[in-house]
Amino acid sequence: MPVSFDHMVLGINDLEHGIAFVEERAGVRAVFGGVHPGRGTQNALLSLGTMRYLEIIAPDPKQTAAPWVPGLSGMREPRLVVWAVHTDDIAAQAEIVKRAGSTIQGPLDGSRTRPDGKVLRWKSLRLEDDRGGLLPFFIEWSRDSLHPAVDAPSGCRLERFWAASRQPDDLAAAYSHLGVEMAVERGDKAQIRGRISGPKGIFELTS
């Protein structure tokens, strides 16, 4: 389990479908989180423990902007699309990533208005090439913002989060260069995997 794991994002073309998909497996219903203005998406949230959560993301039909996740509108079955690690110093993390030879986007300011009207703010740092979502993006939450895991529906726990690749040593080295701890195993398909326990037992999400 990456020590700095923050959240994983489950993509689907319809938010209610994604919520129902997770509830059927977890026994806990994710709650609507809000929309991402100008980014074409909306989300629902489920806590996976302290400072860890699952974000279900789908197109927002009220926005004209295309979803920031490529191909999201065509995803009829939920799958993990990206994941994030948290940092207390996004600028320092940017230097680590650049020294690793990666081209970056950011740090960028982000915000979302919660259903209770409070504004959640953060800064994010993304890799130009995240190997199709295998490599994380980085997030620094504003000190005046409540972390989403604090008041999202509880009852589930992230038991394991890892990656698979036909070239596990190469992928493990990429994580190491970014300063990210991540278990990598050999597999027929390159993907990220999350194992979650809940009232209905254990289930897995994959990319």
Protein backbone atom coordinates (compact mmCIF):
# COMPACT_ATOMS: atom_id res chain seq x y z
CA MET A 1 0.00 0.00 0.00
CA PRO A 2 1.51 3.37 -0.96
CA VAL A 3 1.93 5.30 2.31
CA SER A 4 0.92 8.52 0.58
CA PHE A 5 -2.11 7.05 -1.22
CA ASP A 6 -4.91 9.64 -1.35
CA HIS A 7 -7.62 8.38 -3.69
CA MET A 8 -8.41 6.36 -6.78
CA VAL A 9 -10.83 7.44 -9.48
CA LEU A 10 -13.40 5.06 -10.94
CA GLY A 11 -14.63 6.26 -14.32
CA ILE A 12 -18.08 5.56 -15.79
CA ASN A 13 -20.34 7.28 -18.34
CA ASP A 14 -23.26 7.63 -15.88
CA LEU A 15 -22.80 8.62 -12.24
CA GLU A 16 -25.85 6.76 -10.90
CA HIS A 17 -24.66 3.60 -12.64
CA GLY A 18 -21.27 3.96 -10.99
CA ILE A 19 -22.80 4.55 -7.56
CA ALA A 20 -25.03 1.48 -7.92
CA PHE A 21 -22.10 -0.63 -9.16
CA VAL A 22 -20.04 0.15 -6.05
CA GLU A 23 -22.97 -0.12 -3.63
CA GLU A 24 -23.84 -3.60 -4.93
CA ARG A 25 -20.32 -4.80 -4.15
CA ALA A 26 -19.51 -2.74 -1.06
CA GLY A 27 -22.82 -2.47 0.75
CA VAL A 28 -22.26 1.26 1.22
CA ARG A 29 -23.69 3.97 -1.05
CA ALA A 30 -21.34 6.72 -2.22
CA VAL A 31 -22.62 10.27 -1.77
CA PHE A 32 -22.72 12.99 -4.42
CA GLY A 33 -19.67 15.22 -4.06
CA GLY A 34 -20.23 17.99 -6.59
CA VAL A 35 -19.11 19.07 -10.04
CA HIS A 36 -15.79 20.17 -11.52
CA PRO A 37 -16.49 23.51 -13.26
CA GLY A 38 -15.00 23.75 -16.72
CA ARG A 39 -13.80 20.15 -16.62
CA GLY A 40 -17.04 18.49 -17.66
CA THR A 41 -17.36 16.05 -14.75
CA GLN A 42 -19.24 15.33 -11.53
CA ASN A 43 -18.43 12.87 -8.77
CA ALA A 44 -19.54 10.76 -5.83
CA LEU A 45 -17.36 9.81 -2.87
CA LEU A 46 -16.82 6.86 -0.54
CA SER A 47 -14.34 6.80 2.35
CA LEU A 48 -11.78 3.99 2.35
CA GLY A 49 -10.23 4.87 5.70
CA THR A 50 -8.20 7.73 7.13
CA MET A 51 -7.11 10.11 4.33
CA ARG A 52 -8.17 7.57 1.69
CA TYR A 53 -11.22 7.52 -0.52
CA LEU A 54 -12.81 6.33 -3.74
CA GLU A 55 -13.99 8.92 -6.24
CA ILE A 56 -16.57 7.85 -8.80
CA ILE A 57 -16.44 10.23 -11.73
CA ALA A 58 -18.77 10.67 -14.69
CA PRO A 59 -19.66 13.30 -17.30
CA ASP A 60 -21.73 16.24 -16.03
CA PRO A 61 -24.62 16.65 -18.50
CA LYS A 62 -25.08 20.29 -17.42
CA GLN A 63 -21.63 21.30 -18.67
CA THR A 64 -20.68 21.90 -22.29
CA ALA A 65 -17.00 21.18 -21.62
CA ALA A 66 -15.75 17.74 -22.60
CA PRO A 67 -14.83 15.50 -19.64
CA TRP A 68 -11.18 15.82 -18.67
CA VAL A 69 -10.86 12.02 -18.56
CA PRO A 70 -10.33 10.76 -22.15
CA GLY A 71 -13.07 8.41 -23.31
CA LEU A 72 -15.18 8.86 -20.16
CA SER A 73 -18.43 9.38 -22.07
CA GLY A 74 -18.03 5.97 -23.68
CA MET A 75 -17.26 3.98 -20.51
CA ARG A 76 -20.27 1.73 -20.02
CA GLU A 77 -18.48 -0.38 -17.41
CA PRO A 78 -16.69 1.22 -14.45
CA ARG A 79 -12.90 1.05 -14.37
CA LEU A 80 -10.08 2.80 -12.56
CA VAL A 81 -8.73 5.65 -14.68
CA VAL A 82 -6.27 7.54 -12.45
CA TRP A 83 -5.09 7.66 -8.86
CA ALA A 84 -3.50 10.22 -6.57
CA VAL A 85 -0.96 10.50 -3.81
CA HIS A 86 -1.01 13.39 -1.37
CA THR A 87 1.83 15.73 -0.54
CA ASP A 88 2.28 18.60 1.88
CA ASP A 89 4.59 20.43 -0.53
CA ILE A 90 3.49 20.31 -4.16
CA ALA A 91 6.37 22.55 -5.29
CA ALA A 92 8.96 20.20 -3.80
CA GLN A 93 7.19 17.25 -5.39
CA ALA A 94 7.33 19.02 -8.75
CA GLU A 95 11.11 19.24 -8.44
CA ILE A 96 11.36 15.52 -7.68
CA VAL A 97 9.23 14.69 -10.72
CA LYS A 98 11.25 16.97 -12.99
CA ARG A 99 14.52 15.46 -11.77
CA ALA A 100 13.08 12.08 -12.72
CA GLY A 101 12.89 13.38 -16.29
CA SER A 102 9.11 13.65 -16.48
CA THR A 103 7.28 16.50 -18.18
CA ILE A 104 4.61 17.90 -15.91
CA GLN A 105 1.39 19.89 -15.94
CA GLY A 106 1.15 22.24 -12.97
CA PRO A 107 1.01 22.70 -10.13
CA LEU A 108 -2.56 23.71 -11.01
CA ASP A 109 -5.24 25.16 -8.74
CA GLY A 110 -8.44 23.14 -8.41
CA SER A 111 -11.72 23.59 -6.59
CA ARG A 112 -15.16 22.07 -6.18
CA THR A 113 -18.23 23.36 -4.39
CA ARG A 114 -19.61 20.74 -2.02
CA PRO A 115 -23.37 20.14 -1.70
CA ASP A 116 -23.27 22.07 1.59
CA GLY A 117 -21.94 25.13 -0.24
CA LYS A 118 -18.40 24.96 1.13
CA VAL A 119 -15.59 25.19 -1.43
CA LEU A 120 -12.95 22.49 -1.47
CA ARG A 121 -9.57 23.65 -2.79
CA TRP A 122 -6.39 21.88 -3.81
CA LYS A 123 -3.31 22.02 -6.02
CA SER A 124 -2.48 19.18 -8.38
CA LEU A 125 0.52 18.07 -10.38
CA ARG A 126 0.12 15.74 -13.34
CA LEU A 127 2.54 13.88 -15.57
CA GLU A 128 2.28 14.47 -19.31
CA ASP A 129 2.78 10.71 -19.67
CA ASP A 130 1.23 8.76 -16.80
CA ARG A 131 1.44 5.46 -18.72
CA GLY A 132 -2.30 5.26 -19.14
CA GLY A 133 -3.05 5.93 -15.48
CA LEU A 134 -0.44 3.59 -14.03
CA LEU A 135 1.54 6.49 -12.61
CA PRO A 136 -0.21 8.79 -10.13
CA PHE A 137 -0.89 12.46 -10.05
CA PHE A 138 -0.04 14.46 -6.93
CA ILE A 139 -2.39 16.52 -4.81
CA GLU A 140 -1.93 19.04 -2.00
CA TRP A 141 -5.13 19.87 -0.16
CA SER A 142 -5.69 23.41 1.07
CA ARG A 143 -5.28 23.66 4.82
CA ASP A 144 -8.72 25.23 5.14
CA SER A 145 -10.40 22.39 3.22
CA LEU A 146 -11.84 19.24 4.79
CA HIS A 147 -10.33 16.12 3.26
CA PRO A 148 -13.05 14.22 1.35
CA ALA A 149 -12.43 11.02 3.35
CA VAL A 150 -13.47 12.73 6.59
CA ASP A 151 -17.19 12.97 5.93
CA ALA A 152 -17.74 10.66 2.96
CA PRO A 153 -19.82 7.54 3.76
CA SER A 154 -17.74 5.12 5.82
CA GLY A 155 -17.79 1.36 6.34
CA CYS A 156 -15.26 0.38 3.65
CA ARG A 157 -11.52 -0.03 3.87
CA LEU A 158 -8.77 -0.14 1.25
CA GLU A 159 -6.95 -3.40 1.94
CA ARG A 160 -4.44 -3.31 -0.88
CA PHE A 161 -3.51 -1.12 -3.84
CA TRP A 162 -0.95 -2.28 -6.36
CA ALA A 163 0.04 -2.43 -10.02
CA ALA A 164 0.65 -5.19 -12.53
CA SER A 165 2.83 -5.10 -15.63
CA ARG A 166 4.54 -7.37 -18.11
CA GLN A 167 7.70 -5.44 -17.19
CA PRO A 168 7.37 -5.05 -13.41
CA ASP A 169 10.98 -3.97 -12.81
CA ASP A 170 10.65 -1.09 -15.26
CA LEU A 171 7.39 0.08 -13.71
CA ALA A 172 8.76 -0.27 -10.17
CA ALA A 173 11.72 1.91 -11.17
CA ALA A 174 9.34 4.57 -12.52
CA TYR A 175 7.52 4.70 -9.18
CA SER A 176 10.80 4.89 -7.31
CA HIS A 177 12.03 7.83 -9.41
CA LEU A 178 8.84 9.70 -8.52
CA GLY A 179 9.34 9.03 -4.82
CA VAL A 180 6.26 6.80 -4.65
CA GLU A 181 6.11 3.48 -2.81
CA MET A 182 4.11 1.00 -4.85
CA ALA A 183 3.95 -2.79 -5.05
CA VAL A 184 4.27 -4.10 -8.61
CA GLU A 185 3.70 -7.68 -9.70
CA ARG A 186 4.05 -9.43 -13.03
CA GLY A 187 0.84 -9.67 -15.01
CA ASP A 188 -0.49 -10.20 -18.51
CA LYS A 189 -1.97 -6.72 -18.53
CA ALA A 190 -0.63 -3.38 -17.31
CA GLN A 191 -3.14 -2.09 -14.76
CA ILE A 192 -3.72 -0.69 -11.30
CA ARG A 193 -5.77 -2.70 -8.83
CA GLY A 194 -7.54 -1.87 -5.60
CA ARG A 195 -8.89 -4.40 -3.10
CA ILE A 196 -11.64 -3.06 -0.85
CA SER A 197 -13.44 -4.63 2.10
CA GLY A 198 -16.94 -3.60 3.13
CA PRO A 199 -20.13 -4.89 4.73
CA LYS A 200 -20.67 -7.23 1.78
CA GLY A 201 -17.13 -8.62 1.83
CA ILE A 202 -14.09 -8.05 -0.36
CA PHE A 203 -14.11 -6.89 -3.97
CA GLU A 204 -11.58 -5.49 -6.43
CA LEU A 205 -11.53 -2.58 -8.86
CA THR A 206 -9.14 -2.53 -11.81
CA SER A 207 -8.16 -0.28 -14.68
